[in-house]
Amino acid sequence: MRDLNLGLTCPICWLLMSDPVDLDCGHNFCDACITNWTKMVGEMICPACQKVSLLKTPNSGIASMVEQYEDLSSSSDDE
């Protein structure tokens, strides 16, 4: 089941996304990861494509998929 989480991992921390957000460029990150990245580099530049973003918006679709993945993972661990 490991391959299923590839689109759900944060490219900064490499863990399942926590509070996922979208940048203007369409890349997704954990909110805390991109906030820390922005503080480190001084502006919101996407670490994946280097484009400057003006907005980060919550991504409820990915949040829902992460939750479903975690539910599936925990239920398969119980078996």
PDB file of N, CA and C in Angstrom:
ATOM      1  N   MET A   1       0.825  -1.199   0.000  1.00  0.00           N
ATOM      2  CA  MET A   1       0.000   0.000   0.000  1.00  0.00           C
ATOM      3  C   MET A   1       0.867   1.260   0.000  1.00  0.00           C
ATOM      4  N   ARG A   2       2.151   1.110   0.167  1.00  0.00           N
ATOM      5  CA  ARG A   2       3.055   2.246   0.241  1.00  0.00           C
ATOM      6  C   ARG A   2       2.999   3.154  -0.978  1.00  0.00           C
ATOM      7  N   ASP A   3       2.872   2.591  -2.185  1.00  0.00           N
ATOM      8  CA  ASP A   3       2.875   3.387  -3.410  1.00  0.00           C
ATOM      9  C   ASP A   3       1.681   4.324  -3.504  1.00  0.00           C
ATOM     10  N   LEU A   4       0.608   4.028  -2.802  1.00  0.00           N
ATOM     11  CA  LEU A   4      -0.586   4.869  -2.861  1.00  0.00           C
ATOM     12  C   LEU A   4      -0.354   6.257  -2.291  1.00  0.00           C
ATOM     13  N   ASN A   5       0.591   6.418  -1.377  1.00  0.00           N
ATOM     14  CA  ASN A   5       0.746   7.707  -0.715  1.00  0.00           C
ATOM     15  C   ASN A   5       1.666   8.668  -1.469  1.00  0.00           C
ATOM     16  N   LEU A   6       2.158   8.294  -2.646  1.00  0.00           N
ATOM     17  CA  LEU A   6       3.101   9.145  -3.364  1.00  0.00           C
ATOM     18  C   LEU A   6       2.562  10.542  -3.626  1.00  0.00           C
ATOM     19  N   GLY A   7       1.328  10.680  -3.994  1.00  0.00           N
ATOM     20  CA  GLY A   7       0.751  11.996  -4.239  1.00  0.00           C
ATOM     21  C   GLY A   7       0.297  12.702  -2.974  1.00  0.00           C
ATOM     22  N   LEU A   8       0.451  12.047  -1.847  1.00  0.00           N
ATOM     23  CA  LEU A   8      -0.024  12.604  -0.585  1.00  0.00           C
ATOM     24  C   LEU A   8       1.112  13.017   0.336  1.00  0.00           C
ATOM     25  N   THR A   9       2.340  12.847  -0.117  1.00  0.00           N
ATOM     26  CA  THR A   9       3.482  13.221   0.711  1.00  0.00           C
ATOM     27  C   THR A   9       3.944  14.632   0.379  1.00  0.00           C
ATOM     28  N   CYS A  10       4.380  15.326   1.379  1.00  0.00           N
ATOM     29  CA  CYS A  10       4.878  16.688   1.237  1.00  0.00           C
ATOM     30  C   CYS A  10       6.289  16.635   0.653  1.00  0.00           C
ATOM     31  N   PRO A  11       6.562  17.398  -0.407  1.00  0.00           N
ATOM     32  CA  PRO A  11       7.900  17.399  -0.993  1.00  0.00           C
ATOM     33  C   PRO A  11       8.973  18.038  -0.103  1.00  0.00           C
ATOM     34  N   ILE A  12       8.566  18.642   1.000  1.00  0.00           N
ATOM     35  CA  ILE A  12       9.544  19.239   1.917  1.00  0.00           C
ATOM     36  C   ILE A  12       9.919  18.244   3.016  1.00  0.00           C
ATOM     37  N   CYS A  13       8.923  17.707   3.717  1.00  0.00           N
ATOM     38  CA  CYS A  13       9.211  16.813   4.851  1.00  0.00           C
ATOM     39  C   CYS A  13       9.128  15.333   4.485  1.00  0.00           C
ATOM     40  N   TRP A  14       8.560  15.006   3.342  1.00  0.00           N
ATOM     41  CA  TRP A  14       8.406  13.635   2.844  1.00  0.00           C
ATOM     42  C   TRP A  14       7.500  12.765   3.713  1.00  0.00           C
ATOM     43  N   LEU A  15       6.634  13.407   4.506  1.00  0.00           N
ATOM     44  CA  LEU A  15       5.627  12.685   5.287  1.00  0.00           C
ATOM     45  C   LEU A  15       4.264  12.932   4.660  1.00  0.00           C
ATOM     46  N   LEU A  16       3.267  12.174   5.089  1.00  0.00           N
ATOM     47  CA  LEU A  16       1.909  12.466   4.633  1.00  0.00           C
ATOM     48  C   LEU A  16       1.589  13.910   4.988  1.00  0.00           C
ATOM     49  N   MET A  17       0.958  14.617   4.060  1.00  0.00           N
ATOM     50  CA  MET A  17       0.695  16.043   4.282  1.00  0.00           C
ATOM     51  C   MET A  17      -0.219  16.265   5.481  1.00  0.00           C
ATOM     52  N   SER A  18       0.146  17.276   6.237  1.00  0.00           N
ATOM     53  CA  SER A  18      -0.638  17.713   7.377  1.00  0.00           C
ATOM     54  C   SER A  18      -1.136  19.116   7.060  1.00  0.00           C
ATOM     55  N   ASP A  19      -2.429  19.340   7.136  1.00  0.00           N
ATOM     56  CA  ASP A  19      -3.028  20.624   6.755  1.00  0.00           C
ATOM     57  C   ASP A  19      -2.514  21.056   5.376  1.00  0.00           C
ATOM     58  N   PRO A  20      -2.770  20.244   4.318  1.00  0.00           N
ATOM     59  CA  PRO A  20      -2.232  20.550   2.998  1.00  0.00           C
ATOM     60  C   PRO A  20      -2.746  21.871   2.431  1.00  0.00           C
ATOM     61  N   VAL A  21      -1.834  22.585   1.772  1.00  0.00           N
ATOM     62  CA  VAL A  21      -2.180  23.837   1.097  1.00  0.00           C
ATOM     63  C   VAL A  21      -1.649  23.799  -0.336  1.00  0.00           C
ATOM     64  N   ASP A  22      -2.368  24.511  -1.204  1.00  0.00           N
ATOM     65  CA  ASP A  22      -2.016  24.704  -2.611  1.00  0.00           C
ATOM     66  C   ASP A  22      -1.328  26.045  -2.758  1.00  0.00           C
ATOM     67  N   LEU A  23      -0.283  26.113  -3.547  1.00  0.00           N
ATOM     68  CA  LEU A  23       0.279  27.406  -3.937  1.00  0.00           C
ATOM     69  C   LEU A  23      -0.296  27.784  -5.299  1.00  0.00           C
ATOM     70  N   ASP A  24      -0.085  29.025  -5.722  1.00  0.00           N
ATOM     71  CA  ASP A  24      -0.599  29.496  -7.017  1.00  0.00           C
ATOM     72  C   ASP A  24      -0.162  28.593  -8.166  1.00  0.00           C
ATOM     73  N   CYS A  25       1.020  28.015  -8.062  1.00  0.00           N
ATOM     74  CA  CYS A  25       1.579  27.186  -9.130  1.00  0.00           C
ATOM     75  C   CYS A  25       0.928  25.805  -9.199  1.00  0.00           C
ATOM     76  N   GLY A  26       0.159  25.437  -8.166  1.00  0.00           N
ATOM     77  CA  GLY A  26      -0.508  24.147  -8.150  1.00  0.00           C
ATOM     78  C   GLY A  26       0.191  23.085  -7.326  1.00  0.00           C
ATOM     79  N   HIS A  27       1.367  23.374  -6.804  1.00  0.00           N
ATOM     80  CA  HIS A  27       2.054  22.402  -5.946  1.00  0.00           C
ATOM     81  C   HIS A  27       1.474  22.457  -4.539  1.00  0.00           C
ATOM     82  N   ASN A  28       1.533  21.326  -3.851  1.00  0.00           N
ATOM     83  CA  ASN A  28       0.937  21.174  -2.522  1.00  0.00           C
ATOM     84  C   ASN A  28       1.999  20.836  -1.489  1.00  0.00           C
ATOM     85  N   PHE A  29       1.806  21.377  -0.289  1.00  0.00           N
ATOM     86  CA  PHE A  29       2.734  21.181   0.819  1.00  0.00           C
ATOM     87  C   PHE A  29       1.963  21.187   2.124  1.00  0.00           C
ATOM     88  N   CYS A  30       2.595  20.690   3.191  1.00  0.00           N
ATOM     89  CA  CYS A  30       2.037  20.890   4.536  1.00  0.00           C
ATOM     90  C   CYS A  30       2.047  22.399   4.797  1.00  0.00           C
ATOM     91  N   ASP A  31       1.038  22.890   5.459  1.00  0.00           N
ATOM     92  CA  ASP A  31       0.991  24.314   5.776  1.00  0.00           C
ATOM     93  C   ASP A  31       2.211  24.733   6.593  1.00  0.00           C
ATOM     94  N   ALA A  32       2.551  23.954   7.611  1.00  0.00           N
ATOM     95  CA  ALA A  32       3.698  24.300   8.466  1.00  0.00           C
ATOM     96  C   ALA A  32       5.007  24.262   7.671  1.00  0.00           C
ATOM     97  N   CYS A  33       5.147  23.293   6.780  1.00  0.00           N
ATOM     98  CA  CYS A  33       6.384  23.186   5.992  1.00  0.00           C
ATOM     99  C   CYS A  33       6.577  24.393   5.089  1.00  0.00           C
ATOM    100  N   ILE A  34       5.528  24.786   4.364  1.00  0.00           N
ATOM    101  CA  ILE A  34       5.683  25.914   3.437  1.00  0.00           C
ATOM    102  C   ILE A  34       5.815  27.227   4.211  1.00  0.00           C
ATOM    103  N   THR A  35       5.201  27.318   5.374  1.00  0.00           N
ATOM    104  CA  THR A  35       5.356  28.512   6.214  1.00  0.00           C
ATOM    105  C   THR A  35       6.802  28.639   6.679  1.00  0.00           C
ATOM    106  N   ASN A  36       7.377  27.538   7.151  1.00  0.00           N
ATOM    107  CA  ASN A  36       8.785  27.554   7.578  1.00  0.00           C
ATOM    108  C   ASN A  36       9.717  27.832   6.409  1.00  0.00           C
ATOM    109  N   TRP A  37       9.438  27.241   5.250  1.00  0.00           N
ATOM    110  CA  TRP A  37      10.234  27.476   4.042  1.00  0.00           C
ATOM    111  C   TRP A  37      10.206  28.961   3.671  1.00  0.00           C
ATOM    112  N   THR A  38       9.013  29.551   3.708  1.00  0.00           N
ATOM    113  CA  THR A  38       8.850  30.968   3.366  1.00  0.00           C
ATOM    114  C   THR A  38       9.651  31.852   4.311  1.00  0.00           C
ATOM    115  N   LYS A  39       9.618  31.533   5.597  1.00  0.00           N
ATOM    116  CA  LYS A  39      10.408  32.298   6.574  1.00  0.00           C
ATOM    117  C   LYS A  39      11.902  32.170   6.283  1.00  0.00           C
ATOM    118  N   MET A  40      12.325  30.973   5.878  1.00  0.00           N
ATOM    119  CA  MET A  40      13.735  30.721   5.630  1.00  0.00           C
ATOM    120  C   MET A  40      14.244  31.470   4.382  1.00  0.00           C
ATOM    121  N   VAL A  41      13.447  31.479   3.303  1.00  0.00           N
ATOM    122  CA  VAL A  41      13.905  32.113   2.054  1.00  0.00           C
ATOM    123  C   VAL A  41      13.465  33.567   1.930  1.00  0.00           C
ATOM    124  N   GLY A  42      12.544  34.008   2.770  1.00  0.00           N
ATOM    125  CA  GLY A  42      12.154  35.410   2.787  1.00  0.00           C
ATOM    126  C   GLY A  42      10.952  35.776   1.936  1.00  0.00           C
ATOM    127  N   GLU A  43      10.479  34.869   1.101  1.00  0.00           N
ATOM    128  CA  GLU A  43       9.241  35.082   0.347  1.00  0.00           C
ATOM    129  C   GLU A  43       8.682  33.717  -0.030  1.00  0.00           C
ATOM    130  N   MET A  44       7.421  33.693  -0.456  1.00  0.00           N
ATOM    131  CA  MET A  44       6.785  32.426  -0.757  1.00  0.00           C
ATOM    132  C   MET A  44       7.168  31.984  -2.176  1.00  0.00           C
ATOM    133  N   ILE A  45       8.303  31.290  -2.260  1.00  0.00           N
ATOM    134  CA  ILE A  45       8.770  30.720  -3.523  1.00  0.00           C
ATOM    135  C   ILE A  45       8.559  29.218  -3.442  1.00  0.00           C
ATOM    136  N   CYS A  46       7.910  28.655  -4.445  1.00  0.00           N
ATOM    137  CA  CYS A  46       7.654  27.216  -4.448  1.00  0.00           C
ATOM    138  C   CYS A  46       8.973  26.456  -4.502  1.00  0.00           C
ATOM    139  N   PRO A  47       9.205  25.568  -3.544  1.00  0.00           N
ATOM    140  CA  PRO A  47      10.433  24.788  -3.564  1.00  0.00           C
ATOM    141  C   PRO A  47      10.489  23.797  -4.729  1.00  0.00           C
ATOM    142  N   ALA A  48       9.349  23.486  -5.328  1.00  0.00           N
ATOM    143  CA  ALA A  48       9.314  22.522  -6.430  1.00  0.00           C
ATOM    144  C   ALA A  48       9.619  23.170  -7.783  1.00  0.00           C
ATOM    145  N   CYS A  49       9.052  24.366  -8.037  1.00  0.00           N
ATOM    146  CA  CYS A  49       9.205  24.976  -9.362  1.00  0.00           C
ATOM    147  C   CYS A  49       9.830  26.366  -9.327  1.00  0.00           C
ATOM    148  N   GLN A  50      10.085  26.882  -8.151  1.00  0.00           N
ATOM    149  CA  GLN A  50      10.741  28.182  -7.948  1.00  0.00           C
ATOM    150  C   GLN A  50       9.892  29.393  -8.339  1.00  0.00           C
ATOM    151  N   LYS A  51       8.592  29.200  -8.583  1.00  0.00           N
ATOM    152  CA  LYS A  51       7.716  30.336  -8.895  1.00  0.00           C
ATOM    153  C   LYS A  51       7.287  31.023  -7.602  1.00  0.00           C
ATOM    154  N   VAL A  52       7.199  32.356  -7.658  1.00  0.00           N
ATOM    155  CA  VAL A  52       6.718  33.118  -6.510  1.00  0.00           C
ATOM    156  C   VAL A  52       5.205  32.960  -6.436  1.00  0.00           C
ATOM    157  N   SER A  53       4.701  32.680  -5.249  1.00  0.00           N
ATOM    158  CA  SER A  53       3.260  32.555  -5.031  1.00  0.00           C
ATOM    159  C   SER A  53       2.777  33.702  -4.173  1.00  0.00           C
ATOM    160  N   LEU A  54       1.591  34.153  -4.472  1.00  0.00           N
ATOM    161  CA  LEU A  54       0.979  35.203  -3.678  1.00  0.00           C
ATOM    162  C   LEU A  54       0.010  34.632  -2.654  1.00  0.00           C
ATOM    163  N   LEU A  55      -0.483  33.433  -2.924  1.00  0.00           N
ATOM    164  CA  LEU A  55      -1.491  32.826  -2.059  1.00  0.00           C
ATOM    165  C   LEU A  55      -1.146  31.381  -1.738  1.00  0.00           C
ATOM    166  N   LYS A  56      -1.586  30.960  -0.585  1.00  0.00           N
ATOM    167  CA  LYS A  56      -1.648  29.533  -0.278  1.00  0.00           C
ATOM    168  C   LYS A  56      -3.065  29.280   0.198  1.00  0.00           C
ATOM    169  N   THR A  57      -3.686  28.272  -0.346  1.00  0.00           N
ATOM    170  CA  THR A  57      -5.071  27.984   0.009  1.00  0.00           C
ATOM    171  C   THR A  57      -5.184  26.545   0.513  1.00  0.00           C
ATOM    172  N   PRO A  58      -6.017  26.324   1.522  1.00  0.00           N
ATOM    173  CA  PRO A  58      -6.206  24.963   2.025  1.00  0.00           C
ATOM    174  C   PRO A  58      -6.682  24.039   0.908  1.00  0.00           C
ATOM    175  N   ASN A  59      -6.181  22.830   0.887  1.00  0.00           N
ATOM    176  CA  ASN A  59      -6.577  21.850  -0.108  1.00  0.00           C
ATOM    177  C   ASN A  59      -7.352  20.746   0.592  1.00  0.00           C
ATOM    178  N   SER A  60      -8.668  20.921   0.643  1.00  0.00           N
ATOM    179  CA  SER A  60      -9.512  19.960   1.361  1.00  0.00           C
ATOM    180  C   SER A  60      -9.569  18.616   0.648  1.00  0.00           C
ATOM    181  N   GLY A  61      -9.350  18.598  -0.660  1.00  0.00           N
ATOM    182  CA  GLY A  61      -9.347  17.335  -1.399  1.00  0.00           C
ATOM    183  C   GLY A  61      -8.202  16.443  -0.954  1.00  0.00           C
ATOM    184  N   ILE A  62      -7.007  17.001  -0.887  1.00  0.00           N
ATOM    185  CA  ILE A  62      -5.860  16.215  -0.443  1.00  0.00           C
ATOM    186  C   ILE A  62      -6.010  15.854   1.031  1.00  0.00           C
ATOM    187  N   ALA A  63      -6.516  16.782   1.833  1.00  0.00           N
ATOM    188  CA  ALA A  63      -6.728  16.482   3.259  1.00  0.00           C
ATOM    189  C   ALA A  63      -7.646  15.277   3.418  1.00  0.00           C
ATOM    190  N   SER A  64      -8.687  15.214   2.617  1.00  0.00           N
ATOM    191  CA  SER A  64      -9.625  14.097   2.671  1.00  0.00           C
ATOM    192  C   SER A  64      -8.956  12.793   2.222  1.00  0.00           C
ATOM    193  N   MET A  65      -8.135  12.866   1.171  1.00  0.00           N
ATOM    194  CA  MET A  65      -7.438  11.664   0.701  1.00  0.00           C
ATOM    195  C   MET A  65      -6.428  11.165   1.726  1.00  0.00           C
ATOM    196  N   VAL A  66      -5.736  12.080   2.405  1.00  0.00           N
ATOM    197  CA  VAL A  66      -4.789  11.686   3.456  1.00  0.00           C
ATOM    198  C   VAL A  66      -5.542  10.971   4.574  1.00  0.00           C
ATOM    199  N   GLU A  67      -6.682  11.521   4.959  1.00  0.00           N
ATOM    200  CA  GLU A  67      -7.479  10.904   6.020  1.00  0.00           C
ATOM    201  C   GLU A  67      -7.940   9.501   5.612  1.00  0.00           C
ATOM    202  N   GLN A  68      -8.406   9.365   4.372  1.00  0.00           N
ATOM    203  CA  GLN A  68      -8.840   8.058   3.888  1.00  0.00           C
ATOM    204  C   GLN A  68      -7.669   7.070   3.850  1.00  0.00           C
ATOM    205  N   TYR A  69      -6.517   7.537   3.399  1.00  0.00           N
ATOM    206  CA  TYR A  69      -5.327   6.685   3.347  1.00  0.00           C
ATOM    207  C   TYR A  69      -4.939   6.212   4.747  1.00  0.00           C
ATOM    208  N   GLU A  70      -4.967   7.140   5.706  1.00  0.00           N
ATOM    209  CA  GLU A  70      -4.625   6.775   7.088  1.00  0.00           C
ATOM    210  C   GLU A  70      -5.621   5.762   7.641  1.00  0.00           C
ATOM    211  N   ASP A  71      -6.914   5.940   7.319  1.00  0.00           N
ATOM    212  CA  ASP A  71      -7.932   4.988   7.764  1.00  0.00           C
ATOM    213  C   ASP A  71      -7.683   3.606   7.165  1.00  0.00           C
ATOM    214  N   LEU A  72      -7.364   3.568   5.868  1.00  0.00           N
ATOM    215  CA  LEU A  72      -7.085   2.294   5.204  1.00  0.00           C
ATOM    216  C   LEU A  72      -5.837   1.633   5.786  1.00  0.00           C
ATOM    217  N   SER A  73      -4.815   2.436   6.024  1.00  0.00           N
ATOM    218  CA  SER A  73      -3.573   1.919   6.573  1.00  0.00           C
ATOM    219  C   SER A  73      -3.776   1.327   7.950  1.00  0.00           C
ATOM    220  N   SER A  74      -4.528   2.044   8.778  1.00  0.00           N
ATOM    221  CA  SER A  74      -4.742   1.541  10.144  1.00  0.00           C
ATOM    222  C   SER A  74      -5.629   0.306  10.144  1.00  0.00           C
ATOM    223  N   SER A  75      -6.592   0.231   9.240  1.00  0.00           N
ATOM    224  CA  SER A  75      -7.448  -0.960   9.196  1.00  0.00           C
ATOM    225  C   SER A  75      -6.686  -2.162   8.656  1.00  0.00           C
ATOM    226  N   SER A  76      -5.748  -1.955   7.717  1.00  0.00           N
ATOM    227  CA  SER A  76      -4.965  -3.080   7.219  1.00  0.00           C
ATOM    228  C   SER A  76      -3.910  -3.515   8.231  1.00  0.00           C
ATOM    229  N   ASP A  77      -3.472  -2.603   9.086  1.00  0.00           N
ATOM    230  CA  ASP A  77      -2.535  -2.952  10.156  1.00  0.00           C
ATOM    231  C   ASP A  77      -3.211  -3.815  11.210  1.00  0.00           C
ATOM    232  N   ASP A  78      -4.522  -3.624  11.382  1.00  0.00           N
ATOM    233  CA  ASP A  78      -5.279  -4.371  12.385  1.00  0.00           C
ATOM    234  C   ASP A  78      -5.473  -5.836  11.984  1.00  0.00           C
ATOM    235  N   GLU A  79      -5.332  -6.117  10.696  1.00  0.00           N
ATOM    236  CA  GLU A  79      -5.601  -7.485  10.212  1.00  0.00           C
ATOM    237  C   GLU A  79      -4.436  -8.405  10.426  1.00  0.00           C
TER     238      GLU A  79
END
